[in-house]
């Protein structure tokens, strides 16, 4: 609280005139400090801190029995497993001794580096990547409106000449790897992507042979 303290006695000045007593003001800051702490406590208790962002994924119910998966044209299947390892194969999966007499599928391995998964997706999805780059050039030169650019870019990723990516995980894969895979697909303009497909028993057996 503010207090008024008297200071300096009266006395006589020159000419025998009596001078007025000087007064000094001292402000007590203790109540202000208390108020500041009360306000700080109020804001801390009532503030909402940023919540971690998450991605909701709706997984289909597992089938009662294994069924033959339809053939995916121009498709690449990625199998995610422990230790951040990624295996993949292109086209349809063929088990040894299949009815069609096709050579058995061989898994290849890559990683999450720019020279691995990123370069692989750019190579496999080259048609869509080049198509979107051409549209971006026209958009930058103002010869293609933004709305038209977005529509044509989406149509390019959905074209039959663009790849379709299937992501399958075993029980040792992590959610982080699945999210990293989705991020990389977005960067590489892969529009047709499927997550949560059940891994076939033949795929799982071949994968286990690779990670031994």
N, C-alpha and C. Protein backbone atom coordinates (compact mmCIF):
# COMPACT_ATOMS: atom_id res chain seq x y z
N UNK A 1 0.84 -1.18 0.00
CA UNK A 1 0.00 0.00 0.00
C UNK A 1 0.88 1.24 0.00
N UNK A 2 0.37 2.30 -0.53
CA UNK A 2 1.15 3.53 -0.58
C UNK A 2 1.11 4.21 0.77
N UNK A 3 2.24 4.69 1.15
CA UNK A 3 2.34 5.42 2.41
C UNK A 3 2.98 6.77 2.15
N UNK A 4 2.53 7.77 2.93
CA UNK A 4 3.13 9.11 2.83
C UNK A 4 3.95 9.35 4.09
N UNK A 5 5.23 9.50 3.87
CA UNK A 5 6.11 9.73 5.02
C UNK A 5 6.63 11.15 4.98
N UNK A 6 6.59 11.74 6.11
CA UNK A 6 7.09 13.11 6.21
C UNK A 6 8.60 13.10 6.27
N UNK A 7 9.21 14.02 5.59
CA UNK A 7 10.66 14.08 5.60
C UNK A 7 11.14 15.51 5.61
N UNK A 8 12.25 15.74 6.21
CA UNK A 8 12.85 17.09 6.25
C UNK A 8 12.09 18.01 7.18
N UNK A 9 12.65 18.49 8.25
CA UNK A 9 11.97 19.37 9.20
C UNK A 9 11.65 20.71 8.58
N UNK A 10 10.88 21.50 9.24
CA UNK A 10 10.49 22.81 8.69
C UNK A 10 11.66 23.76 8.65
N UNK A 11 11.83 24.52 9.67
CA UNK A 11 12.96 25.46 9.69
C UNK A 11 12.60 26.76 9.01
N UNK A 12 13.50 27.63 9.09
CA UNK A 12 13.30 28.95 8.50
C UNK A 12 14.23 29.12 7.32
N UNK A 13 13.71 29.61 6.25
CA UNK A 13 14.54 29.89 5.10
C UNK A 13 15.07 31.30 5.17
N UNK A 14 15.52 31.76 4.06
CA UNK A 14 16.02 33.12 4.00
C UNK A 14 14.88 34.10 4.22
N UNK A 15 15.20 35.15 4.84
CA UNK A 15 14.19 36.17 5.09
C UNK A 15 13.29 35.83 6.25
N UNK A 16 13.64 34.77 6.98
CA UNK A 16 12.88 34.40 8.15
C UNK A 16 11.56 33.74 7.84
N UNK A 17 11.35 33.31 6.54
CA UNK A 17 10.11 32.63 6.17
C UNK A 17 10.18 31.15 6.50
N UNK A 18 9.09 30.65 6.99
CA UNK A 18 9.03 29.23 7.35
C UNK A 18 8.71 28.39 6.10
N UNK A 19 9.58 27.41 5.84
CA UNK A 19 9.38 26.55 4.66
C UNK A 19 8.41 25.43 4.97
N UNK A 20 7.66 24.99 3.94
CA UNK A 20 6.73 23.87 4.10
C UNK A 20 7.52 22.58 4.22
N UNK A 21 6.99 21.70 5.01
CA UNK A 21 7.66 20.41 5.20
C UNK A 21 7.55 19.56 3.93
N UNK A 22 8.66 18.96 3.57
CA UNK A 22 8.69 18.08 2.38
C UNK A 22 8.05 16.73 2.73
N UNK A 23 7.31 16.18 1.78
CA UNK A 23 6.69 14.87 1.96
C UNK A 23 7.21 13.91 0.89
N UNK A 24 7.53 12.68 1.29
CA UNK A 24 8.03 11.65 0.35
C UNK A 24 7.03 10.50 0.30
N UNK A 25 6.91 9.87 -0.88
CA UNK A 25 5.95 8.76 -1.08
C UNK A 25 6.72 7.45 -1.26
N UNK A 26 6.33 6.42 -0.49
CA UNK A 26 6.94 5.08 -0.63
C UNK A 26 5.84 4.09 -0.95
N UNK A 27 6.03 3.34 -2.06
CA UNK A 27 5.02 2.39 -2.52
C UNK A 27 5.41 0.99 -2.07
N UNK A 28 4.54 0.32 -1.37
CA UNK A 28 4.75 -1.05 -0.93
C UNK A 28 4.29 -2.00 -2.04
N UNK A 29 5.23 -2.77 -2.64
CA UNK A 29 4.92 -3.62 -3.78
C UNK A 29 4.46 -5.02 -3.39
N UNK A 30 4.40 -5.32 -2.11
CA UNK A 30 4.02 -6.67 -1.69
C UNK A 30 2.66 -7.10 -2.22
N UNK A 31 1.61 -6.27 -2.14
CA UNK A 31 0.31 -6.70 -2.71
C UNK A 31 0.36 -6.94 -4.21
N UNK A 32 1.18 -6.16 -4.94
CA UNK A 32 1.29 -6.36 -6.38
C UNK A 32 1.93 -7.71 -6.71
N UNK A 33 2.93 -8.10 -5.93
CA UNK A 33 3.58 -9.40 -6.14
C UNK A 33 2.59 -10.52 -5.87
N UNK A 34 1.81 -10.38 -4.78
CA UNK A 34 0.81 -11.40 -4.48
C UNK A 34 -0.21 -11.52 -5.61
N UNK A 35 -0.64 -10.39 -6.15
CA UNK A 35 -1.60 -10.40 -7.25
C UNK A 35 -1.01 -11.07 -8.50
N UNK A 36 0.27 -10.80 -8.77
CA UNK A 36 0.91 -11.40 -9.95
C UNK A 36 0.95 -12.92 -9.83
N UNK A 37 1.29 -13.42 -8.64
CA UNK A 37 1.33 -14.87 -8.44
C UNK A 37 -0.07 -15.48 -8.54
N UNK A 38 -1.07 -14.78 -8.06
CA UNK A 38 -2.44 -15.27 -8.16
C UNK A 38 -2.89 -15.37 -9.63
N UNK A 39 -2.56 -14.35 -10.42
CA UNK A 39 -2.90 -14.37 -11.84
C UNK A 39 -2.15 -15.48 -12.57
N UNK A 40 -0.87 -15.65 -12.23
CA UNK A 40 -0.07 -16.70 -12.86
C UNK A 40 -0.66 -18.07 -12.55
N UNK A 41 -1.01 -18.28 -11.29
CA UNK A 41 -1.61 -19.56 -10.91
C UNK A 41 -2.93 -19.79 -11.63
N UNK A 42 -3.73 -18.73 -11.78
CA UNK A 42 -5.02 -18.85 -12.47
C UNK A 42 -4.83 -19.27 -13.92
N UNK A 43 -3.90 -18.61 -14.62
CA UNK A 43 -3.70 -18.93 -16.03
C UNK A 43 -3.11 -20.32 -16.23
N UNK A 44 -2.24 -20.74 -15.33
CA UNK A 44 -1.65 -22.08 -15.44
C UNK A 44 -2.72 -23.15 -15.27
N UNK A 45 -3.62 -22.94 -14.31
CA UNK A 45 -4.65 -23.94 -14.03
C UNK A 45 -5.75 -23.96 -15.08
N UNK A 46 -5.99 -22.85 -15.73
CA UNK A 46 -7.10 -22.78 -16.69
C UNK A 46 -6.66 -22.91 -18.14
N UNK A 47 -5.36 -22.88 -18.40
CA UNK A 47 -4.87 -22.96 -19.78
C UNK A 47 -4.97 -24.39 -20.29
N UNK A 48 -5.16 -24.53 -21.59
CA UNK A 48 -5.19 -25.83 -22.25
C UNK A 48 -3.90 -26.01 -23.03
N UNK A 49 -3.12 -27.00 -22.65
CA UNK A 49 -1.85 -27.23 -23.32
C UNK A 49 -2.10 -27.97 -24.64
N UNK A 50 -1.15 -27.82 -25.57
CA UNK A 50 -1.30 -28.46 -26.87
C UNK A 50 -1.31 -29.97 -26.72
N UNK A 51 -2.27 -30.59 -27.35
CA UNK A 51 -2.40 -32.04 -27.27
C UNK A 51 -1.68 -32.69 -28.43
N UNK A 52 -1.09 -33.87 -28.23
CA UNK A 52 -0.40 -34.55 -29.34
C UNK A 52 -1.38 -34.92 -30.44
N UNK A 53 -0.97 -34.68 -31.67
CA UNK A 53 -1.83 -34.99 -32.80
C UNK A 53 -1.67 -36.46 -33.16
N UNK A 54 -2.76 -37.07 -33.53
CA UNK A 54 -2.74 -38.49 -33.89
C UNK A 54 -3.55 -38.70 -35.15
N UNK A 55 -3.29 -39.79 -35.80
CA UNK A 55 -4.00 -40.14 -37.01
C UNK A 55 -4.89 -41.34 -36.72
N UNK A 56 -6.18 -41.20 -37.00
CA UNK A 56 -7.11 -42.30 -36.76
C UNK A 56 -7.11 -43.23 -37.98
N UNK A 57 -6.92 -44.51 -37.71
CA UNK A 57 -6.91 -45.51 -38.76
C UNK A 57 -8.00 -46.53 -38.47
N UNK A 58 -8.87 -46.73 -39.42
CA UNK A 58 -9.93 -47.72 -39.27
C UNK A 58 -9.49 -49.00 -39.95
N UNK A 59 -9.25 -50.02 -39.15
CA UNK A 59 -8.79 -51.29 -39.69
C UNK A 59 -9.98 -52.23 -39.94
N UNK A 60 -9.97 -52.95 -41.06
CA UNK A 60 -11.07 -53.89 -41.30
C UNK A 60 -10.96 -55.10 -40.38
N UNK A 61 -12.08 -55.73 -40.14
CA UNK A 61 -12.08 -56.94 -39.31
C UNK A 61 -11.39 -58.07 -40.06
N UNK A 62 -10.57 -58.87 -39.38
CA UNK A 62 -9.88 -59.97 -40.06
C UNK A 62 -10.86 -61.01 -40.57
N UNK A 63 -10.63 -61.57 -41.74
CA UNK A 63 -11.56 -62.57 -42.28
C UNK A 63 -11.49 -63.86 -41.46
N UNK A 64 -12.59 -64.61 -41.49
CA UNK A 64 -12.64 -65.87 -40.75
C UNK A 64 -11.69 -66.90 -41.35
N UNK A 65 -11.48 -66.82 -42.64
CA UNK A 65 -10.53 -67.72 -43.28
C UNK A 65 -9.81 -66.97 -44.38
N UNK A 66 -8.66 -67.45 -44.71
CA UNK A 66 -7.85 -66.76 -45.72
C UNK A 66 -8.49 -66.87 -47.08
N UNK A 67 -8.58 -65.74 -47.75
CA UNK A 67 -9.17 -65.73 -49.09
C UNK A 67 -8.13 -65.23 -50.08
N UNK A 68 -8.31 -65.60 -51.33
CA UNK A 68 -7.40 -65.14 -52.37
C UNK A 68 -7.62 -63.66 -52.63
N UNK A 69 -6.54 -62.91 -52.59
CA UNK A 69 -6.66 -61.47 -52.80
C UNK A 69 -6.70 -61.17 -54.30
N UNK A 70 -7.52 -60.21 -54.70
CA UNK A 70 -7.60 -59.86 -56.12
C UNK A 70 -6.28 -59.30 -56.62
N UNK A 71 -6.01 -59.53 -57.89
CA UNK A 71 -4.76 -59.05 -58.48
C UNK A 71 -4.79 -57.53 -58.58
N UNK A 72 -3.69 -56.93 -58.17
CA UNK A 72 -3.55 -55.48 -58.23
C UNK A 72 -2.64 -55.13 -59.40
N UNK A 73 -3.21 -54.42 -60.37
CA UNK A 73 -2.43 -54.03 -61.53
C UNK A 73 -1.48 -52.89 -61.18
N UNK A 74 -0.25 -53.02 -61.64
CA UNK A 74 0.76 -51.99 -61.40
C UNK A 74 0.89 -51.70 -59.90
N UNK A 75 0.94 -52.77 -59.12
CA UNK A 75 0.99 -52.61 -57.67
C UNK A 75 2.33 -53.00 -57.08
N UNK A 76 2.61 -52.44 -55.91
CA UNK A 76 3.80 -52.77 -55.13
C UNK A 76 3.34 -53.02 -53.70
N UNK A 77 3.75 -54.15 -53.14
CA UNK A 77 3.36 -54.52 -51.78
C UNK A 77 4.56 -54.40 -50.86
N UNK A 78 4.37 -53.68 -49.76
CA UNK A 78 5.43 -53.51 -48.76
C UNK A 78 5.06 -54.29 -47.51
N UNK A 79 6.03 -55.03 -46.99
CA UNK A 79 5.86 -55.79 -45.75
C UNK A 79 6.74 -55.17 -44.68
N UNK A 80 6.12 -54.65 -43.63
CA UNK A 80 6.86 -54.01 -42.55
C UNK A 80 7.02 -54.98 -41.39
N UNK A 81 8.21 -54.99 -40.82
CA UNK A 81 8.48 -55.90 -39.72
C UNK A 81 9.37 -55.22 -38.69
N UNK A 82 9.98 -55.98 -37.80
CA UNK A 82 10.75 -55.43 -36.69
C UNK A 82 12.03 -54.75 -37.18
N UNK A 83 12.63 -53.97 -36.26
CA UNK A 83 13.91 -53.29 -36.51
C UNK A 83 13.85 -52.34 -37.72
N UNK A 84 12.68 -51.77 -37.98
CA UNK A 84 12.50 -50.79 -39.07
C UNK A 84 12.84 -51.37 -40.44
N UNK A 85 12.66 -52.66 -40.61
CA UNK A 85 12.99 -53.29 -41.88
C UNK A 85 11.77 -53.31 -42.80
N UNK A 86 12.03 -53.10 -44.09
CA UNK A 86 10.98 -53.06 -45.11
C UNK A 86 11.34 -54.04 -46.24
N UNK A 87 10.41 -54.92 -46.54
CA UNK A 87 10.56 -55.81 -47.69
C UNK A 87 9.42 -55.52 -48.66
N UNK A 88 9.66 -55.76 -49.93
CA UNK A 88 8.64 -55.45 -50.92
C UNK A 88 8.75 -56.38 -52.12
N UNK A 89 7.66 -56.43 -52.87
CA UNK A 89 7.66 -57.13 -54.16
C UNK A 89 6.67 -56.41 -55.07
N UNK A 90 6.90 -56.50 -56.36
CA UNK A 90 6.04 -55.84 -57.34
C UNK A 90 5.11 -56.85 -57.98
N UNK A 91 3.91 -56.40 -58.30
CA UNK A 91 2.95 -57.27 -58.97
C UNK A 91 2.27 -58.26 -58.05
N UNK A 92 1.79 -59.36 -58.65
CA UNK A 92 1.06 -60.38 -57.91
C UNK A 92 2.02 -61.30 -57.14
N UNK A 93 1.57 -61.78 -55.99
CA UNK A 93 2.39 -62.70 -55.21
C UNK A 93 2.12 -64.13 -55.68
N UNK A 94 3.22 -64.86 -55.91
CA UNK A 94 3.13 -66.26 -56.33
C UNK A 94 3.93 -67.12 -55.37
N UNK A 95 3.24 -68.06 -54.75
CA UNK A 95 3.90 -68.99 -53.84
C UNK A 95 4.60 -70.08 -54.64
N UNK A 96 5.58 -70.76 -54.05
CA UNK A 96 6.24 -71.87 -54.76
C UNK A 96 5.23 -72.96 -55.12
N UNK A 97 5.34 -73.46 -56.35
CA UNK A 97 4.43 -74.51 -56.80
C UNK A 97 3.01 -74.04 -57.02
N UNK A 98 2.83 -72.77 -57.41
CA UNK A 98 1.50 -72.25 -57.63
C UNK A 98 0.86 -72.88 -58.86
N UNK A 99 -0.49 -72.77 -58.95
CA UNK A 99 -1.24 -73.41 -60.02
C UNK A 99 -0.92 -72.83 -61.39
N UNK A 100 -0.54 -71.55 -61.43
CA UNK A 100 -0.26 -70.92 -62.72
C UNK A 100 1.13 -71.25 -63.24
N UNK A 101 1.94 -71.89 -62.42
CA UNK A 101 3.29 -72.23 -62.83
C UNK A 101 4.21 -71.04 -62.94
N UNK A 102 3.84 -69.92 -62.30
CA UNK A 102 4.66 -68.71 -62.33
C UNK A 102 5.83 -68.85 -61.37
N UNK A 103 6.93 -68.17 -61.65
CA UNK A 103 8.08 -68.22 -60.73
C UNK A 103 7.67 -67.68 -59.36
N UNK A 104 8.15 -68.29 -58.28
CA UNK A 104 7.78 -67.81 -56.94
C UNK A 104 8.28 -66.40 -56.69
N UNK A 105 7.53 -65.66 -55.94
CA UNK A 105 7.87 -64.26 -55.63
C UNK A 105 9.10 -64.21 -54.74
N UNK A 106 9.98 -63.25 -55.03
CA UNK A 106 11.17 -63.02 -54.21
C UNK A 106 11.06 -61.65 -53.56
N UNK A 107 11.30 -61.60 -52.27
CA UNK A 107 11.24 -60.33 -51.54
C UNK A 107 12.55 -59.58 -51.68
N UNK A 108 12.45 -58.28 -51.83
CA UNK A 108 13.61 -57.40 -51.83
C UNK A 108 13.50 -56.46 -50.63
N UNK A 109 14.64 -56.02 -50.14
CA UNK A 109 14.65 -55.18 -48.94
C UNK A 109 15.09 -53.76 -49.27
N UNK A 110 14.49 -52.81 -48.58
CA UNK A 110 14.89 -51.41 -48.67
C UNK A 110 14.84 -50.81 -47.27
N UNK A 111 15.01 -49.50 -47.16
CA UNK A 111 14.98 -48.84 -45.85
C UNK A 111 14.33 -47.47 -46.00
N UNK A 112 14.25 -46.75 -44.88
CA UNK A 112 13.55 -45.47 -44.87
C UNK A 112 14.44 -44.30 -45.28
N UNK A 113 15.61 -44.56 -45.83
CA UNK A 113 16.49 -43.47 -46.24
C UNK A 113 16.05 -42.88 -47.57
N UNK A 114 16.63 -41.71 -47.91
CA UNK A 114 16.29 -41.07 -49.18
C UNK A 114 16.76 -41.89 -50.37
N UNK A 115 17.82 -42.67 -50.18
CA UNK A 115 18.30 -43.53 -51.27
C UNK A 115 17.56 -44.86 -51.32
N UNK A 116 16.76 -45.13 -50.29
CA UNK A 116 16.04 -46.40 -50.23
C UNK A 116 14.59 -46.24 -50.67
N UNK A 117 13.68 -46.12 -49.68
CA UNK A 117 12.25 -46.07 -49.97
C UNK A 117 11.88 -44.89 -50.86
N UNK A 118 12.43 -43.71 -50.56
CA UNK A 118 12.09 -42.52 -51.35
C UNK A 118 12.46 -42.70 -52.82
N UNK A 119 13.67 -43.13 -53.07
CA UNK A 119 14.12 -43.31 -54.46
C UNK A 119 13.31 -44.41 -55.14
N UNK A 120 12.97 -45.46 -54.41
CA UNK A 120 12.20 -46.56 -54.98
C UNK A 120 10.81 -46.10 -55.41
N UNK A 121 10.14 -45.33 -54.56
CA UNK A 121 8.80 -44.86 -54.89
C UNK A 121 8.82 -43.89 -56.07
N UNK A 122 9.83 -43.02 -56.11
CA UNK A 122 9.92 -42.10 -57.24
C UNK A 122 10.13 -42.86 -58.55
N UNK A 123 10.89 -43.94 -58.49
CA UNK A 123 11.12 -44.74 -59.70
C UNK A 123 9.85 -45.48 -60.13
N UNK A 124 9.19 -46.13 -59.16
CA UNK A 124 7.99 -46.90 -59.48
C UNK A 124 6.83 -45.99 -59.92
N UNK A 125 6.77 -44.80 -59.34
CA UNK A 125 5.67 -43.89 -59.63
C UNK A 125 6.10 -42.75 -60.56
N UNK A 126 7.05 -43.04 -61.43
CA UNK A 126 7.65 -42.00 -62.27
C UNK A 126 6.61 -41.31 -63.15
N UNK A 127 5.67 -42.05 -63.68
CA UNK A 127 4.69 -41.43 -64.58
C UNK A 127 3.90 -40.35 -63.85
N UNK A 128 3.37 -40.66 -62.67
CA UNK A 128 2.57 -39.68 -61.93
C UNK A 128 3.43 -38.51 -61.46
N UNK A 129 4.66 -38.79 -61.02
CA UNK A 129 5.55 -37.72 -60.56
C UNK A 129 5.84 -36.73 -61.69
N UNK A 130 6.16 -37.25 -62.88
CA UNK A 130 6.45 -36.38 -64.03
C UNK A 130 5.20 -35.61 -64.46
N UNK A 131 4.05 -36.27 -64.41
CA UNK A 131 2.80 -35.62 -64.80
C UNK A 131 2.49 -34.44 -63.87
N UNK A 132 2.67 -34.64 -62.57
CA UNK A 132 2.37 -33.59 -61.60
C UNK A 132 3.40 -32.46 -61.69
N UNK A 133 4.65 -32.80 -61.98
CA UNK A 133 5.66 -31.75 -62.17
C UNK A 133 5.29 -30.84 -63.33
N UNK A 134 4.81 -31.42 -64.43
CA UNK A 134 4.38 -30.62 -65.57
C UNK A 134 3.21 -29.72 -65.22
N UNK A 135 2.28 -30.24 -64.41
CA UNK A 135 1.15 -29.41 -63.97
C UNK A 135 1.61 -28.30 -63.04
N UNK A 136 2.58 -28.58 -62.19
CA UNK A 136 3.10 -27.55 -61.28
C UNK A 136 3.76 -26.42 -62.06
N UNK A 137 4.48 -26.77 -63.12
CA UNK A 137 5.14 -25.75 -63.94
C UNK A 137 4.11 -24.82 -64.56
N UNK A 138 3.00 -25.38 -65.04
CA UNK A 138 1.95 -24.55 -65.62
C UNK A 138 1.26 -23.70 -64.55
N UNK A 139 1.13 -24.26 -63.35
CA UNK A 139 0.50 -23.51 -62.26
C UNK A 139 1.37 -22.34 -61.83
N UNK A 140 2.69 -22.54 -61.79
CA UNK A 140 3.61 -21.46 -61.42
C UNK A 140 3.59 -20.36 -62.47
N UNK A 141 3.47 -20.74 -63.74
CA UNK A 141 3.44 -19.76 -64.82
C UNK A 141 2.07 -19.11 -65.00
N UNK A 142 1.14 -19.42 -64.10
CA UNK A 142 -0.20 -18.83 -64.12
C UNK A 142 -1.01 -19.21 -65.35
N UNK A 143 -0.63 -20.31 -66.01
CA UNK A 143 -1.42 -20.78 -67.14
C UNK A 143 -2.42 -21.85 -66.73
N UNK A 144 -2.36 -22.25 -65.46
CA UNK A 144 -3.27 -23.27 -64.94
C UNK A 144 -3.78 -22.82 -63.58
N UNK A 145 -5.08 -22.59 -63.44
CA UNK A 145 -5.62 -22.13 -62.15
C UNK A 145 -5.37 -23.15 -61.04
N UNK A 146 -5.36 -22.67 -59.79
CA UNK A 146 -5.11 -23.54 -58.65
C UNK A 146 -6.13 -24.67 -58.55
N UNK A 147 -7.39 -24.34 -58.73
CA UNK A 147 -8.43 -25.36 -58.60
C UNK A 147 -8.27 -26.45 -59.67
N UNK A 148 -7.94 -26.03 -60.89
CA UNK A 148 -7.74 -27.00 -61.97
C UNK A 148 -6.50 -27.84 -61.71
N UNK A 149 -5.45 -27.20 -61.18
CA UNK A 149 -4.22 -27.93 -60.88
C UNK A 149 -4.48 -29.03 -59.85
N UNK A 150 -5.20 -28.70 -58.79
CA UNK A 150 -5.48 -29.69 -57.75
C UNK A 150 -6.31 -30.85 -58.29
N UNK A 151 -7.28 -30.54 -59.13
CA UNK A 151 -8.13 -31.59 -59.70
C UNK A 151 -7.33 -32.51 -60.62
N UNK A 152 -6.51 -31.92 -61.50
CA UNK A 152 -5.72 -32.74 -62.43
C UNK A 152 -4.65 -33.55 -61.69
N UNK A 153 -4.10 -32.98 -60.61
CA UNK A 153 -3.10 -33.71 -59.84
C UNK A 153 -3.71 -34.94 -59.16
N UNK A 154 -4.92 -34.78 -58.63
CA UNK A 154 -5.61 -35.92 -58.02
C UNK A 154 -5.95 -36.97 -59.06
N UNK A 155 -6.35 -36.53 -60.23
CA UNK A 155 -6.67 -37.47 -61.30
C UNK A 155 -5.41 -38.23 -61.75
N UNK A 156 -4.26 -37.56 -61.73
CA UNK A 156 -3.01 -38.22 -62.13
C UNK A 156 -2.64 -39.33 -61.16
N UNK A 157 -2.80 -39.08 -59.85
CA UNK A 157 -2.45 -40.11 -58.86
C UNK A 157 -3.42 -41.29 -58.91
N UNK A 158 -4.63 -41.06 -59.43
CA UNK A 158 -5.63 -42.14 -59.52
C UNK A 158 -5.61 -42.86 -60.86
N UNK A 159 -4.78 -42.40 -61.77
CA UNK A 159 -4.70 -42.99 -63.10
C UNK A 159 -4.17 -44.42 -63.02
N UNK A 160 -4.57 -45.24 -63.98
CA UNK A 160 -4.12 -46.64 -64.01
C UNK A 160 -2.62 -46.76 -64.24
N UNK A 161 -2.01 -45.72 -64.80
CA UNK A 161 -0.56 -45.76 -65.02
C UNK A 161 0.22 -45.44 -63.75
N UNK A 162 -0.44 -44.92 -62.72
CA UNK A 162 0.21 -44.67 -61.43
C UNK A 162 0.16 -45.95 -60.60
N UNK A 163 1.12 -46.11 -59.71
CA UNK A 163 1.21 -47.35 -58.94
C UNK A 163 0.17 -47.38 -57.81
N UNK A 164 -0.15 -48.59 -57.40
CA UNK A 164 -0.97 -48.82 -56.21
C UNK A 164 -0.09 -49.50 -55.17
N UNK A 165 -0.07 -48.96 -53.97
CA UNK A 165 0.80 -49.47 -52.91
C UNK A 165 -0.05 -50.13 -51.83
N UNK A 166 0.31 -51.36 -51.48
CA UNK A 166 -0.31 -52.07 -50.38
C UNK A 166 0.69 -52.16 -49.23
N UNK A 167 0.26 -51.80 -48.04
CA UNK A 167 1.12 -51.84 -46.86
C UNK A 167 0.62 -52.92 -45.92
N UNK A 168 1.47 -53.90 -45.65
CA UNK A 168 1.10 -54.99 -44.74
C UNK A 168 2.13 -55.05 -43.61
N UNK A 169 1.66 -55.36 -42.43
CA UNK A 169 2.54 -55.40 -41.26
C UNK A 169 2.37 -56.72 -40.53
N UNK A 170 3.47 -57.19 -39.92
CA UNK A 170 3.35 -58.35 -39.04
C UNK A 170 3.17 -57.87 -37.60
N UNK A 171 3.19 -58.80 -36.65
CA UNK A 171 2.93 -58.43 -35.26
C UNK A 171 4.11 -57.75 -34.58
N UNK A 172 5.24 -57.62 -35.29
CA UNK A 172 6.42 -56.99 -34.72
C UNK A 172 6.70 -55.60 -35.30
N UNK A 173 5.88 -55.17 -36.24
CA UNK A 173 6.05 -53.84 -36.84
C UNK A 173 5.51 -52.78 -35.88
N UNK A 174 5.94 -51.53 -36.07
CA UNK A 174 5.53 -50.43 -35.20
C UNK A 174 4.60 -49.49 -35.97
N UNK A 175 3.76 -48.76 -35.19
CA UNK A 175 2.90 -47.75 -35.80
C UNK A 175 3.73 -46.65 -36.43
N UNK A 176 4.88 -46.33 -35.84
CA UNK A 176 5.75 -45.29 -36.37
C UNK A 176 6.16 -45.61 -37.80
N UNK A 177 6.51 -46.88 -38.06
CA UNK A 177 6.91 -47.27 -39.40
C UNK A 177 5.75 -47.12 -40.39
N UNK A 178 4.54 -47.46 -39.95
CA UNK A 178 3.38 -47.33 -40.83
C UNK A 178 3.11 -45.86 -41.16
N UNK A 179 3.22 -44.98 -40.15
CA UNK A 179 3.01 -43.55 -40.39
C UNK A 179 4.10 -42.99 -41.28
N UNK A 180 5.36 -43.40 -41.05
CA UNK A 180 6.47 -42.95 -41.91
C UNK A 180 6.25 -43.38 -43.35
N UNK A 181 5.71 -44.58 -43.52
CA UNK A 181 5.43 -45.07 -44.87
C UNK A 181 4.35 -44.22 -45.54
N UNK A 182 3.29 -43.89 -44.82
CA UNK A 182 2.23 -43.05 -45.37
C UNK A 182 2.74 -41.66 -45.73
N UNK A 183 3.61 -41.11 -44.88
CA UNK A 183 4.20 -39.79 -45.18
C UNK A 183 5.01 -39.83 -46.46
N UNK A 184 5.79 -40.89 -46.64
CA UNK A 184 6.63 -41.00 -47.83
C UNK A 184 5.78 -41.18 -49.08
N UNK A 185 4.68 -41.90 -48.96
CA UNK A 185 3.77 -42.07 -50.10
C UNK A 185 3.16 -40.73 -50.50
N UNK A 186 2.84 -39.91 -49.52
CA UNK A 186 2.29 -38.58 -49.80
C UNK A 186 3.32 -37.71 -50.51
N UNK A 187 4.57 -37.76 -50.05
CA UNK A 187 5.63 -36.95 -50.66
C UNK A 187 5.86 -37.37 -52.11
N UNK A 188 5.76 -38.66 -52.38
CA UNK A 188 6.05 -39.19 -53.72
C UNK A 188 4.81 -39.27 -54.60
N UNK A 189 3.73 -38.58 -54.19
CA UNK A 189 2.51 -38.47 -55.01
C UNK A 189 1.88 -39.83 -55.33
N UNK A 190 1.92 -40.72 -54.34
CA UNK A 190 1.24 -42.01 -54.51
C UNK A 190 -0.17 -41.86 -53.95
N UNK A 191 -1.16 -41.80 -54.83
CA UNK A 191 -2.52 -41.56 -54.39
C UNK A 191 -3.27 -42.82 -54.04
N UNK A 192 -2.94 -43.93 -54.69
CA UNK A 192 -3.64 -45.20 -54.43
C UNK A 192 -2.82 -46.02 -53.44
N UNK A 193 -3.24 -45.99 -52.18
CA UNK A 193 -2.52 -46.70 -51.13
C UNK A 193 -3.51 -47.39 -50.21
N UNK A 194 -3.16 -48.59 -49.79
CA UNK A 194 -4.05 -49.40 -48.96
C UNK A 194 -3.27 -49.87 -47.75
N UNK A 195 -3.82 -49.59 -46.56
CA UNK A 195 -3.18 -49.98 -45.30
C UNK A 195 -4.14 -50.87 -44.52
N UNK A 196 -3.61 -51.88 -43.87
CA UNK A 196 -4.44 -52.74 -43.04
C UNK A 196 -4.85 -54.03 -43.72
N UNK A 197 -4.29 -54.32 -44.89
CA UNK A 197 -4.60 -55.57 -45.57
C UNK A 197 -3.92 -56.72 -44.83
N UNK A 198 -4.67 -57.79 -44.61
CA UNK A 198 -4.12 -58.94 -43.88
C UNK A 198 -3.00 -59.60 -44.68
N UNK A 199 -1.89 -59.88 -44.01
CA UNK A 199 -0.79 -60.55 -44.66
C UNK A 199 -1.12 -62.04 -44.86
N UNK A 200 -0.92 -62.52 -46.07
CA UNK A 200 -1.21 -63.91 -46.35
C UNK A 200 -0.20 -64.81 -45.65
N UNK A 201 -0.61 -66.04 -45.39
CA UNK A 201 0.27 -66.99 -44.70
C UNK A 201 1.54 -67.24 -45.51
N UNK A 202 1.41 -67.31 -46.82
CA UNK A 202 2.58 -67.54 -47.67
C UNK A 202 3.53 -66.34 -47.64
N UNK A 203 2.96 -65.13 -47.59
CA UNK A 203 3.79 -63.94 -47.48
C UNK A 203 4.52 -63.92 -46.14
N UNK A 204 3.79 -64.24 -45.08
CA UNK A 204 4.38 -64.23 -43.74
C UNK A 204 5.51 -65.26 -43.64
N UNK A 205 5.32 -66.44 -44.21
CA UNK A 205 6.36 -67.46 -44.16
C UNK A 205 7.60 -67.01 -44.91
N UNK A 206 7.40 -66.39 -46.07
CA UNK A 206 8.55 -65.90 -46.84
C UNK A 206 9.26 -64.77 -46.10
N UNK A 207 8.49 -63.93 -45.43
CA UNK A 207 9.07 -62.83 -44.66
C UNK A 207 9.91 -63.37 -43.50
N UNK A 208 9.40 -64.38 -42.81
CA UNK A 208 10.14 -64.95 -41.69
C UNK A 208 11.47 -65.56 -42.13
N UNK A 209 11.49 -66.11 -43.33
CA UNK A 209 12.75 -66.65 -43.84
C UNK A 209 13.77 -65.52 -44.05
N UNK A 210 13.29 -64.36 -44.46
CA UNK A 210 14.19 -63.24 -44.74
C UNK A 210 14.76 -62.61 -43.48
N UNK A 211 14.00 -62.58 -42.39
CA UNK A 211 14.45 -61.86 -41.20
C UNK A 211 15.16 -62.77 -40.20
N UNK A 212 15.37 -64.02 -40.56
CA UNK A 212 16.09 -64.93 -39.64
C UNK A 212 17.55 -64.48 -39.51
